[in-house]
Amino acid sequence: YSPENKEISVTFDTDPAYPPPNASQNRASVAEAWRYKRY
């Protein structure tokens, strides 16, 4: 929680969509897209 801007952010250790392991092998850039988002 940020008392200054009043936002509640959420951070994840892994992709919150939890795709199957084989789904991201050939789509590395797509699989890593979640890292560049703010939740």
PDB file of all heavy atoms in Angstrom:
ATOM      1  N   TYR A   1       0.849  -1.198   0.000  1.00  0.00           N
ATOM      2  CA  TYR A   1       0.000   0.000   0.000  1.00  0.00           C
ATOM      3  C   TYR A   1       0.880   1.241   0.000  1.00  0.00           C
ATOM      4  O   TYR A   1       1.861   1.328   0.747  1.00  0.00           O
ATOM      5  CB  TYR A   1      -0.908   0.013   1.228  1.00  0.00           C
ATOM      6  CG  TYR A   1      -1.790   1.243   1.323  1.00  0.00           C
ATOM      7  CD1 TYR A   1      -2.734   1.514   0.337  1.00  0.00           C
ATOM      8  CD2 TYR A   1      -1.678   2.121   2.396  1.00  0.00           C
ATOM      9  CE1 TYR A   1      -3.549   2.640   0.423  1.00  0.00           C
ATOM     10  CE2 TYR A   1      -2.489   3.245   2.485  1.00  0.00           C
ATOM     11  CZ  TYR A   1      -3.420   3.494   1.493  1.00  0.00           C
ATOM     12  OH  TYR A   1      -4.217   4.610   1.582  1.00  0.00           O
ATOM     13  N   SER A   2       0.524   2.197  -0.841  1.00  0.00           N
ATOM     14  CA  SER A   2       1.235   3.474  -0.878  1.00  0.00           C
ATOM     15  C   SER A   2       0.342   4.543  -0.260  1.00  0.00           C
ATOM     16  O   SER A   2      -0.639   4.964  -0.897  1.00  0.00           O
ATOM     17  CB  SER A   2       1.591   3.865  -2.314  1.00  0.00           C
ATOM     18  OG  SER A   2       2.094   5.192  -2.357  1.00  0.00           O
ATOM     19  N   PRO A   3       0.630   4.989   0.961  1.00  0.00           N
ATOM     20  CA  PRO A   3      -0.183   6.055   1.573  1.00  0.00           C
ATOM     21  C   PRO A   3      -0.132   7.350   0.782  1.00  0.00           C
ATOM     22  O   PRO A   3      -1.040   8.175   0.888  1.00  0.00           O
ATOM     23  CB  PRO A   3       0.451   6.226   2.961  1.00  0.00           C
ATOM     24  CG  PRO A   3       1.178   4.943   3.229  1.00  0.00           C
ATOM     25  CD  PRO A   3       1.680   4.498   1.882  1.00  0.00           C
ATOM     26  N   GLU A   4       0.902   7.539  -0.030  1.00  0.00           N
ATOM     27  CA  GLU A   4       1.036   8.778  -0.791  1.00  0.00           C
ATOM     28  C   GLU A   4       0.061   8.827  -1.966  1.00  0.00           C
ATOM     29  O   GLU A   4      -0.693   9.784  -2.114  1.00  0.00           O
ATOM     30  CB  GLU A   4       2.477   8.936  -1.312  1.00  0.00           C
ATOM     31  CG  GLU A   4       3.501   9.216  -0.235  1.00  0.00           C
ATOM     32  CD  GLU A   4       3.856   7.981   0.584  1.00  0.00           C
ATOM     33  OE1 GLU A   4       3.700   6.842   0.053  1.00  0.00           O
ATOM     34  OE2 GLU A   4       4.252   8.139   1.753  1.00  0.00           O
ATOM     35  N   ASN A   5       0.065   7.789  -2.801  1.00  0.00           N
ATOM     36  CA  ASN A   5      -0.843   7.826  -3.965  1.00  0.00           C
ATOM     37  C   ASN A   5      -2.086   6.967  -3.784  1.00  0.00           C
ATOM     38  O   ASN A   5      -2.910   6.851  -4.693  1.00  0.00           O
ATOM     39  CB  ASN A   5      -0.110   7.422  -5.239  1.00  0.00           C
ATOM     40  CG  ASN A   5       0.432   6.009  -5.193  1.00  0.00           C
ATOM     41  OD1 ASN A   5      -0.070   5.143  -4.484  1.00  0.00           O
ATOM     42  ND2 ASN A   5       1.477   5.757  -5.967  1.00  0.00           N
ATOM     43  N   LYS A   6      -2.219   6.315  -2.608  1.00  0.00           N
ATOM     44  CA  LYS A   6      -3.432   5.553  -2.245  1.00  0.00           C
ATOM     45  C   LYS A   6      -3.656   4.315  -3.110  1.00  0.00           C
ATOM     46  O   LYS A   6      -4.772   3.807  -3.191  1.00  0.00           O
ATOM     47  CB  LYS A   6      -4.684   6.453  -2.326  1.00  0.00           C
ATOM     48  CG  LYS A   6      -4.624   7.723  -1.505  1.00  0.00           C
ATOM     49  CD  LYS A   6      -4.574   7.435  -0.027  1.00  0.00           C
ATOM     50  CE  LYS A   6      -4.628   8.706   0.806  1.00  0.00           C
ATOM     51  NZ  LYS A   6      -4.525   8.445   2.262  1.00  0.00           N
ATOM     52  N   GLU A   7      -2.615   3.808  -3.729  1.00  0.00           N
ATOM     53  CA  GLU A   7      -2.764   2.609  -4.553  1.00  0.00           C
ATOM     54  C   GLU A   7      -2.319   1.360  -3.787  1.00  0.00           C
ATOM     55  O   GLU A   7      -1.407   1.413  -2.960  1.00  0.00           O
ATOM     56  CB  GLU A   7      -1.942   2.739  -5.826  1.00  0.00           C
ATOM     57  CG  GLU A   7      -2.474   3.766  -6.798  1.00  0.00           C
ATOM     58  CD  GLU A   7      -1.628   3.877  -8.054  1.00  0.00           C
ATOM     59  OE1 GLU A   7      -0.486   3.373  -8.070  1.00  0.00           O
ATOM     60  OE2 GLU A   7      -2.110   4.483  -9.034  1.00  0.00           O
ATOM     61  N   ILE A   8      -2.970   0.237  -4.100  1.00  0.00           N
ATOM     62  CA  ILE A   8      -2.562  -1.058  -3.575  1.00  0.00           C
ATOM     63  C   ILE A   8      -2.014  -1.864  -4.750  1.00  0.00           C
ATOM     64  O   ILE A   8      -2.745  -2.207  -5.686  1.00  0.00           O
ATOM     65  CB  ILE A   8      -3.726  -1.810  -2.912  1.00  0.00           C
ATOM     66  CG1 ILE A   8      -4.217  -1.037  -1.678  1.00  0.00           C
ATOM     67  CG2 ILE A   8      -3.293  -3.220  -2.507  1.00  0.00           C
ATOM     68  CD1 ILE A   8      -5.409  -1.672  -0.993  1.00  0.00           C
ATOM     69  N   SER A   9      -0.718  -2.130  -4.714  1.00  0.00           N
ATOM     70  CA  SER A   9      -0.094  -2.899  -5.784  1.00  0.00           C
ATOM     71  C   SER A   9       0.114  -4.337  -5.333  1.00  0.00           C
ATOM     72  O   SER A   9       0.176  -4.638  -4.138  1.00  0.00           O
ATOM     73  CB  SER A   9       1.237  -2.270  -6.196  1.00  0.00           C
ATOM     74  OG  SER A   9       2.126  -2.194  -5.096  1.00  0.00           O
ATOM     75  N   VAL A  10       0.213  -5.215  -6.304  1.00  0.00           N
ATOM     76  CA  VAL A  10       0.370  -6.642  -6.050  1.00  0.00           C
ATOM     77  C   VAL A  10       1.598  -7.113  -6.813  1.00  0.00           C
ATOM     78  O   VAL A  10       1.756  -6.802  -8.000  1.00  0.00           O
ATOM     79  CB  VAL A  10      -0.870  -7.430  -6.503  1.00  0.00           C
ATOM     80  CG1 VAL A  10      -0.772  -8.880  -6.059  1.00  0.00           C
ATOM     81  CG2 VAL A  10      -2.148  -6.801  -5.957  1.00  0.00           C
ATOM     82  N   THR A  11       2.476  -7.829  -6.148  1.00  0.00           N
ATOM     83  CA  THR A  11       3.657  -8.370  -6.814  1.00  0.00           C
ATOM     84  C   THR A  11       3.608  -9.895  -6.765  1.00  0.00           C
ATOM     85  O   THR A  11       3.142 -10.496  -5.803  1.00  0.00           O
ATOM     86  CB  THR A  11       4.960  -7.873  -6.161  1.00  0.00           C
ATOM     87  OG1 THR A  11       4.991  -8.281  -4.783  1.00  0.00           O
ATOM     88  CG2 THR A  11       5.035  -6.356  -6.216  1.00  0.00           C
ATOM     89  N   PHE A  12       4.109 -10.504  -7.844  1.00  0.00           N
ATOM     90  CA  PHE A  12       4.090 -11.959  -7.986  1.00  0.00           C
ATOM     91  C   PHE A  12       5.509 -12.474  -8.177  1.00  0.00           C
ATOM     92  O   PHE A  12       6.341 -11.821  -8.811  1.00  0.00           O
ATOM     93  CB  PHE A  12       3.244 -12.370  -9.196  1.00  0.00           C
ATOM     94  CG  PHE A  12       1.803 -11.933  -9.131  1.00  0.00           C
ATOM     95  CD1 PHE A  12       1.406 -10.713  -9.671  1.00  0.00           C
ATOM     96  CD2 PHE A  12       0.847 -12.733  -8.538  1.00  0.00           C
ATOM     97  CE1 PHE A  12       0.081 -10.303  -9.616  1.00  0.00           C
ATOM     98  CE2 PHE A  12      -0.488 -12.334  -8.476  1.00  0.00           C
ATOM     99  CZ  PHE A  12      -0.870 -11.118  -9.021  1.00  0.00           C
ATOM    100  N   ASP A  13       5.774 -13.669  -7.668  1.00  0.00           N
ATOM    101  CA  ASP A  13       7.063 -14.319  -7.897  1.00  0.00           C
ATOM    102  C   ASP A  13       7.117 -14.959  -9.272  1.00  0.00           C
ATOM    103  O   ASP A  13       8.196 -15.131  -9.848  1.00  0.00           O
ATOM    104  CB  ASP A  13       7.321 -15.390  -6.833  1.00  0.00           C
ATOM    105  CG  ASP A  13       7.678 -14.783  -5.494  1.00  0.00           C
ATOM    106  OD1 ASP A  13       8.064 -13.600  -5.453  1.00  0.00           O
ATOM    107  OD2 ASP A  13       7.563 -15.492  -4.471  1.00  0.00           O
ATOM    108  N   THR A  14       5.943 -15.346  -9.781  1.00  0.00           N
ATOM    109  CA  THR A  14       5.881 -16.011 -11.081  1.00  0.00           C
ATOM    110  C   THR A  14       4.683 -15.457 -11.852  1.00  0.00           C
ATOM    111  O   THR A  14       3.858 -14.717 -11.314  1.00  0.00           O
ATOM    112  CB  THR A  14       5.714 -17.529 -10.926  1.00  0.00           C
ATOM    113  OG1 THR A  14       4.558 -17.790 -10.105  1.00  0.00           O
ATOM    114  CG2 THR A  14       6.932 -18.141 -10.259  1.00  0.00           C
ATOM    115  N   ASP A  15       4.575 -15.821 -13.110  1.00  0.00           N
ATOM    116  CA  ASP A  15       3.478 -15.382 -13.971  1.00  0.00           C
ATOM    117  C   ASP A  15       2.140 -15.723 -13.303  1.00  0.00           C
ATOM    118  O   ASP A  15       1.839 -16.895 -13.059  1.00  0.00           O
ATOM    119  CB  ASP A  15       3.583 -16.094 -15.324  1.00  0.00           C
ATOM    120  CG  ASP A  15       2.555 -15.596 -16.335  1.00  0.00           C
ATOM    121  OD1 ASP A  15       1.609 -14.883 -15.935  1.00  0.00           O
ATOM    122  OD2 ASP A  15       2.716 -15.922 -17.524  1.00  0.00           O
ATOM    123  N   PRO A  16       1.306 -14.704 -12.986  1.00  0.00           N
ATOM    124  CA  PRO A  16       0.032 -14.986 -12.307  1.00  0.00           C
ATOM    125  C   PRO A  16      -0.963 -15.767 -13.149  1.00  0.00           C
ATOM    126  O   PRO A  16      -1.970 -16.239 -12.629  1.00  0.00           O
ATOM    127  CB  PRO A  16      -0.494 -13.584 -11.981  1.00  0.00           C
ATOM    128  CG  PRO A  16       0.182 -12.672 -12.936  1.00  0.00           C
ATOM    129  CD  PRO A  16       1.533 -13.269 -13.186  1.00  0.00           C
ATOM    130  N   ALA A  17      -0.683 -15.935 -14.445  1.00  0.00           N
ATOM    131  CA  ALA A  17      -1.553 -16.765 -15.287  1.00  0.00           C
ATOM    132  C   ALA A  17      -1.206 -18.245 -15.143  1.00  0.00           C
ATOM    133  O   ALA A  17      -2.003 -19.105 -15.521  1.00  0.00           O
ATOM    134  CB  ALA A  17      -1.437 -16.347 -16.750  1.00  0.00           C
ATOM    135  N   TYR A  18      -0.017 -18.558 -14.612  1.00  0.00           N
ATOM    136  CA  TYR A  18       0.443 -19.925 -14.395  1.00  0.00           C
ATOM    137  C   TYR A  18       0.240 -20.815 -15.628  1.00  0.00           C
ATOM    138  O   TYR A  18      -0.486 -21.811 -15.581  1.00  0.00           O
ATOM    139  CB  TYR A  18      -0.247 -20.546 -13.174  1.00  0.00           C
ATOM    140  CG  TYR A  18      -0.040 -19.710 -11.941  1.00  0.00           C
ATOM    141  CD1 TYR A  18      -1.073 -18.937 -11.420  1.00  0.00           C
ATOM    142  CD2 TYR A  18       1.200 -19.657 -11.312  1.00  0.00           C
ATOM    143  CE1 TYR A  18      -0.877 -18.129 -10.299  1.00  0.00           C
ATOM    144  CE2 TYR A  18       1.406 -18.852 -10.199  1.00  0.00           C
ATOM    145  CZ  TYR A  18       0.373 -18.103  -9.699  1.00  0.00           C
ATOM    146  OH  TYR A  18       0.564 -17.303  -8.598  1.00  0.00           O
ATOM    147  N   PRO A  19       0.880 -20.423 -16.755  1.00  0.00           N
ATOM    148  CA  PRO A  19       0.731 -21.245 -17.966  1.00  0.00           C
ATOM    149  C   PRO A  19       1.469 -22.572 -17.808  1.00  0.00           C
ATOM    150  O   PRO A  19       2.418 -22.688 -17.024  1.00  0.00           O
ATOM    151  CB  PRO A  19       1.404 -20.382 -19.040  1.00  0.00           C
ATOM    152  CG  PRO A  19       2.420 -19.570 -18.287  1.00  0.00           C
ATOM    153  CD  PRO A  19       1.786 -19.289 -16.950  1.00  0.00           C
ATOM    154  N   PRO A  20       1.041 -23.612 -18.535  1.00  0.00           N
ATOM    155  CA  PRO A  20       1.755 -24.898 -18.478  1.00  0.00           C
ATOM    156  C   PRO A  20       3.204 -24.699 -18.930  1.00  0.00           C
ATOM    157  O   PRO A  20       3.492 -23.832 -19.758  1.00  0.00           O
ATOM    158  CB  PRO A  20       0.973 -25.777 -19.468  1.00  0.00           C
ATOM    159  CG  PRO A  20      -0.374 -25.126 -19.577  1.00  0.00           C
ATOM    160  CD  PRO A  20      -0.142 -23.661 -19.401  1.00  0.00           C
ATOM    161  N   PRO A  21       4.136 -25.494 -18.416  1.00  0.00           N
ATOM    162  CA  PRO A  21       5.547 -25.315 -18.757  1.00  0.00           C
ATOM    163  C   PRO A  21       5.829 -25.349 -20.247  1.00  0.00           C
ATOM    164  O   PRO A  21       6.620 -24.560 -20.755  1.00  0.00           O
ATOM    165  CB  PRO A  21       6.229 -26.496 -18.045  1.00  0.00           C
ATOM    166  CG  PRO A  21       5.308 -26.841 -16.925  1.00  0.00           C
ATOM    167  CD  PRO A  21       3.920 -26.571 -17.438  1.00  0.00           C
ATOM    168  N   ASN A  22       5.165 -26.258 -20.991  1.00  0.00           N
ATOM    169  CA  ASN A  22       5.441 -26.385 -22.422  1.00  0.00           C
ATOM    170  C   ASN A  22       4.805 -25.278 -23.240  1.00  0.00           C
ATOM    171  O   ASN A  22       5.091 -25.128 -24.417  1.00  0.00           O
ATOM    172  CB  ASN A  22       4.981 -27.749 -22.943  1.00  0.00           C
ATOM    173  CG  ASN A  22       3.490 -27.972 -22.709  1.00  0.00           C
ATOM    174  OD1 ASN A  22       2.826 -27.141 -22.105  1.00  0.00           O
ATOM    175  ND2 ASN A  22       2.983 -29.099 -23.184  1.00  0.00           N
ATOM    176  N   ALA A  23       3.929 -24.490 -22.634  1.00  0.00           N
ATOM    177  CA  ALA A  23       3.246 -23.443 -23.396  1.00  0.00           C
ATOM    178  C   ALA A  23       4.141 -22.254 -23.666  1.00  0.00           C
ATOM    179  O   ALA A  23       3.886 -21.476 -24.571  1.00  0.00           O
ATOM    180  CB  ALA A  23       2.003 -22.985 -22.640  1.00  0.00           C
ATOM    181  N   SER A  24       5.196 -22.085 -22.887  1.00  0.00           N
ATOM    182  CA  SER A  24       6.033 -20.896 -23.026  1.00  0.00           C
ATOM    183  C   SER A  24       7.406 -21.185 -23.621  1.00  0.00           C
ATOM    184  O   SER A  24       8.210 -20.285 -23.768  1.00  0.00           O
ATOM    185  CB  SER A  24       6.207 -20.231 -21.656  1.00  0.00           C
ATOM    186  OG  SER A  24       6.817 -21.118 -20.750  1.00  0.00           O
ATOM    187  N   GLN A  25       7.694 -22.439 -23.985  1.00  0.00           N
ATOM    188  CA  GLN A  25       9.027 -22.777 -24.463  1.00  0.00           C
ATOM    189  C   GLN A  25       9.394 -22.050 -25.742  1.00  0.00           C
ATOM    190  O   GLN A  25      10.541 -21.633 -25.918  1.00  0.00           O
ATOM    191  CB  GLN A  25       9.138 -24.290 -24.677  1.00  0.00           C
ATOM    192  CG  GLN A  25       9.127 -25.072 -23.353  1.00  0.00           C
ATOM    193  CD  GLN A  25       9.163 -26.566 -23.581  1.00  0.00           C
ATOM    194  OE1 GLN A  25       9.094 -27.032 -24.713  1.00  0.00           O
ATOM    195  NE2 GLN A  25       9.264 -27.331 -22.507  1.00  0.00           N
ATOM    196  N   ASN A  26       8.441 -21.877 -26.641  1.00  0.00           N
ATOM    197  CA  ASN A  26       8.725 -21.225 -27.913  1.00  0.00           C
ATOM    198  C   ASN A  26       8.191 -19.795 -27.967  1.00  0.00           C
ATOM    199  O   ASN A  26       8.142 -19.195 -29.034  1.00  0.00           O
ATOM    200  CB  ASN A  26       8.107 -22.043 -29.070  1.00  0.00           C
ATOM    201  CG  ASN A  26       8.694 -23.437 -29.139  1.00  0.00           C
ATOM    202  OD1 ASN A  26       9.888 -23.623 -28.925  1.00  0.00           O
ATOM    203  ND2 ASN A  26       7.844 -24.416 -29.452  1.00  0.00           N
ATOM    204  N   ARG A  27       7.792 -19.281 -26.820  1.00  0.00           N
ATOM    205  CA  ARG A  27       7.231 -17.925 -26.790  1.00  0.00           C
ATOM    206  C   ARG A  27       7.816 -17.194 -25.585  1.00  0.00           C
ATOM    207  O   ARG A  27       7.112 -16.707 -24.719  1.00  0.00           O
ATOM    208  CB  ARG A  27       5.710 -17.985 -26.705  1.00  0.00           C
ATOM    209  CG  ARG A  27       5.056 -18.760 -27.841  1.00  0.00           C
ATOM    210  CD  ARG A  27       3.554 -18.850 -27.636  1.00  0.00           C
ATOM    211  NE  ARG A  27       2.939 -17.542 -27.609  1.00  0.00           N
ATOM    212  CZ  ARG A  27       1.671 -17.319 -27.238  1.00  0.00           C
ATOM    213  NH1 ARG A  27       0.936 -18.334 -26.843  1.00  0.00           N
ATOM    214  NH2 ARG A  27       1.172 -16.107 -27.235  1.00  0.00           N
ATOM    215  N   ALA A  28       9.129 -17.108 -25.538  1.00  0.00           N
ATOM    216  CA  ALA A  28       9.816 -16.545 -24.373  1.00  0.00           C
ATOM    217  C   ALA A  28       9.410 -15.101 -24.122  1.00  0.00           C
ATOM    218  O   ALA A  28       9.168 -14.700 -22.984  1.00  0.00           O
ATOM    219  CB  ALA A  28      11.324 -16.640 -24.568  1.00  0.00           C
ATOM    220  N   SER A  29       9.327 -14.297 -25.191  1.00  0.00           N
ATOM    221  CA  SER A  29       9.009 -12.882 -25.003  1.00  0.00           C
ATOM    222  C   SER A  29       7.597 -12.703 -24.467  1.00  0.00           C
ATOM    223  O   SER A  29       7.350 -11.844 -23.612  1.00  0.00           O
ATOM    224  CB  SER A  29       9.161 -12.125 -26.330  1.00  0.00           C
ATOM    225  OG  SER A  29       8.283 -12.658 -27.316  1.00  0.00           O
ATOM    226  N   VAL A  30       6.653 -13.519 -24.957  1.00  0.00           N
ATOM    227  CA  VAL A  30       5.277 -13.448 -24.473  1.00  0.00           C
ATOM    228  C   VAL A  30       5.208 -13.934 -23.031  1.00  0.00           C
ATOM    229  O   VAL A  30       4.516 -13.365 -22.182  1.00  0.00           O
ATOM    230  CB  VAL A  30       4.339 -14.276 -25.373  1.00  0.00           C
ATOM    231  CG1 VAL A  30       2.930 -14.297 -24.803  1.00  0.00           C
ATOM    232  CG2 VAL A  30       4.338 -13.718 -26.787  1.00  0.00           C
ATOM    233  N   ALA A  31       5.945 -15.015 -22.752  1.00  0.00           N
ATOM    234  CA  ALA A  31       5.906 -15.595 -21.420  1.00  0.00           C
ATOM    235  C   ALA A  31       6.463 -14.646 -20.366  1.00  0.00           C
ATOM    236  O   ALA A  31       6.073 -14.708 -19.204  1.00  0.00           O
ATOM    237  CB  ALA A  31       6.693 -16.904 -21.397  1.00  0.00           C
ATOM    238  N   GLU A  32       7.367 -13.763 -20.762  1.00  0.00           N
ATOM    239  CA  GLU A  32       7.980 -12.831 -19.815  1.00  0.00           C
ATOM    240  C   GLU A  32       7.253 -11.500 -19.749  1.00  0.00           C
ATOM    241  O   GLU A  32       7.662 -10.616 -18.997  1.00  0.00           O
ATOM    242  CB  GLU A  32       9.439 -12.602 -20.195  1.00  0.00           C
ATOM    243  CG  GLU A  32      10.319 -13.837 -20.051  1.00  0.00           C
ATOM    244  CD  GLU A  32      10.380 -14.311 -18.605  1.00  0.00           C
ATOM    245  OE1 GLU A  32      10.706 -13.503 -17.723  1.00  0.00           O
ATOM    246  OE2 GLU A  32      10.090 -15.509 -18.365  1.00  0.00           O
ATOM    247  N   ALA A  33       6.174 -11.325 -20.522  1.00  0.00           N
ATOM    248  CA  ALA A  33       5.486 -10.031 -20.590  1.00  0.00           C
ATOM    249  C   ALA A  33       4.940  -9.598 -19.239  1.00  0.00           C
ATOM    250  O   ALA A  33       4.866  -8.408 -18.947  1.00  0.00           O
ATOM    251  CB  ALA A  33       4.364 -10.097 -21.623  1.00  0.00           C
ATOM    252  N   TRP A  34       4.573 -10.557 -18.404  1.00  0.00           N
ATOM    253  CA  TRP A  34       3.987 -10.217 -17.102  1.00  0.00           C
ATOM    254  C   TRP A  34       4.970  -9.449 -16.225  1.00  0.00           C
ATOM    255  O   TRP A  34       4.551  -8.657 -15.363  1.00  0.00           O
ATOM    256  CB  TRP A  34       3.534 -11.484 -16.371  1.00  0.00           C
ATOM    257  CG  TRP A  34       4.659 -12.360 -15.912  1.00  0.00           C
ATOM    258  CD1 TRP A  34       5.298 -13.325 -16.635  1.00  0.00           C
ATOM    259  CD2 TRP A  34       5.275 -12.365 -14.626  1.00  0.00           C
ATOM    260  NE1 TRP A  34       6.274 -13.932 -15.892  1.00  0.00           N
ATOM    261  CE2 TRP A  34       6.284 -13.356 -14.647  1.00  0.00           C
ATOM    262  CE3 TRP A  34       5.068 -11.645 -13.454  1.00  0.00           C
ATOM    263  CZ2 TRP A  34       7.084 -13.635 -13.540  1.00  0.00           C
ATOM    264  CZ3 TRP A  34       5.865 -11.922 -12.352  1.00  0.00           C
ATOM    265  CH2 TRP A  34       6.859 -12.888 -12.399  1.00  0.00           C
ATOM    266  N   ARG A  35       6.260  -9.628 -16.448  1.00  0.00           N
ATOM    267  CA  ARG A  35       7.265  -8.959 -15.623  1.00  0.00           C
ATOM    268  C   ARG A  35       7.279  -7.452 -15.844  1.00  0.00           C
ATOM    269  O   ARG A  35       7.772  -6.694 -14.997  1.00  0.00           O
ATOM    270  CB  ARG A  35       8.650  -9.531 -15.906  1.00  0.00           C
ATOM    271  CG  ARG A  35       8.805 -11.007 -15.549  1.00  0.00           C
ATOM    272  CD  ARG A  35      10.240 -11.451 -15.743  1.00  0.00           C
ATOM    273  NE  ARG A  35      10.418 -12.866 -15.480  1.00  0.00           N
ATOM    274  CZ  ARG A  35      10.607 -13.380 -14.263  1.00  0.00           C
ATOM    275  NH1 ARG A  35      10.641 -12.593 -13.206  1.00  0.00           N
ATOM    276  NH2 ARG A  35      10.754 -14.689 -14.104  1.00  0.00           N
ATOM    277  N   TYR A  36       6.792  -7.002 -16.983  1.00  0.00           N
ATOM    278  CA  TYR A  36       6.850  -5.586 -17.325  1.00  0.00           C
ATOM    279  C   TYR A  36       5.556  -4.850 -17.011  1.00  0.00           C
ATOM    280  O   TYR A  36       5.370  -3.711 -17.418  1.00  0.00           O
ATOM    281  CB  TYR A  36       7.212  -5.437 -18.811  1.00  0.00           C
ATOM    282  CG  TYR A  36       8.498  -6.142 -19.152  1.00  0.00           C
ATOM    283  CD1 TYR A  36       8.480  -7.404 -19.743  1.00  0.00           C
ATOM    284  CD2 TYR A  36       9.729  -5.573 -18.839  1.00  0.00           C
ATOM    285  CE1 TYR A  36       9.658  -8.069 -20.042  1.00  0.00           C
ATOM    286  CE2 TYR A  36      10.914  -6.231 -19.132  1.00  0.00           C
ATOM    287  CZ  TYR A  36      10.871  -7.479 -19.729  1.00  0.00           C
ATOM    288  OH  TYR A  36      12.038  -8.135 -20.005  1.00  0.00           O
ATOM    289  N   LYS A  37       4.674  -5.522 -16.303  1.00  0.00           N
ATOM    290  CA  LYS A  37       3.407  -4.901 -15.910  1.00  0.00           C
ATOM    291  C   LYS A  37       3.431  -4.528 -14.439  1.00  0.00           C
ATOM    292  O   LYS A  37       4.135  -5.135 -13.639  1.00  0.00           O
ATOM    293  CB  LYS A  37       2.232  -5.853 -16.162  1.00  0.00           C
ATOM    294  CG  LYS A  37       1.977  -6.170 -17.624  1.00  0.00           C
ATOM    295  CD  LYS A  37       0.793  -7.114 -17.766  1.00  0.00           C
ATOM    296  CE  LYS A  37       0.512  -7.445 -19.223  1.00  0.00           C
ATOM    297  NZ  LYS A  37      -0.649  -8.364 -19.354  1.00  0.00           N
ATOM    298  N   ARG A  38       2.646  -3.510 -14.107  1.00  0.00           N
ATOM    299  CA  ARG A  38       2.350  -3.193 -12.707  1.00  0.00           C
ATOM    300  C   ARG A  38       0.959  -3.732 -12.420  1.00  0.00           C
ATOM    301  O   ARG A  38       0.041  -3.557 -13.217  1.00  0.00           O
ATOM    302  CB  ARG A  38       2.384  -1.679 -12.465  1.00  0.00           C
ATOM    303  CG  ARG A  38       3.745  -1.054 -12.649  1.00  0.00           C
ATOM    304  CD  ARG A  38       3.705   0.448 -12.378  1.00  0.00           C
ATOM    305  NE  ARG A  38       2.848   1.131 -13.331  1.00  0.00           N
ATOM    306  CZ  ARG A  38       1.768   1.839 -13.017  1.00  0.00           C
ATOM    307  NH1 ARG A  38       1.379   1.937 -11.742  1.00  0.00           N
ATOM    308  NH2 ARG A  38       1.057   2.426 -13.943  1.00  0.00           N
ATOM    309  N   TYR A  39       0.806  -4.390 -11.294  1.00  0.00           N
ATOM    310  CA  TYR A  39      -0.491  -4.985 -10.952  1.00  0.00           C
ATOM    311  C   TYR A  39      -1.123  -4.156  -9.828  1.00  0.00           C
ATOM    312  O   TYR A  39      -0.549  -4.014  -8.749  1.00  0.00           O
ATOM    313  CB  TYR A  39      -0.324  -6.437 -10.539  1.00  0.00           C
ATOM    314  CG  TYR A  39       0.096  -7.315 -11.698  1.00  0.00           C
ATOM    315  CD1 TYR A  39       1.449  -7.523 -11.982  1.00  0.00           C
ATOM    316  CD2 TYR A  39      -0.850  -7.907 -12.528  1.00  0.00           C
ATOM    317  CE1 TYR A  39       1.835  -8.313 -13.055  1.00  0.00           C
ATOM    318  CE2 TYR A  39      -0.474  -8.702 -13.599  1.00  0.00           C
ATOM    319  CZ  TYR A  39       0.875  -8.891 -13.856  1.00  0.00           C
ATOM    320  OH  TYR A  39       1.244  -9.666 -14.928  1.00  0.00           O
TER     321      TYR A  39
END
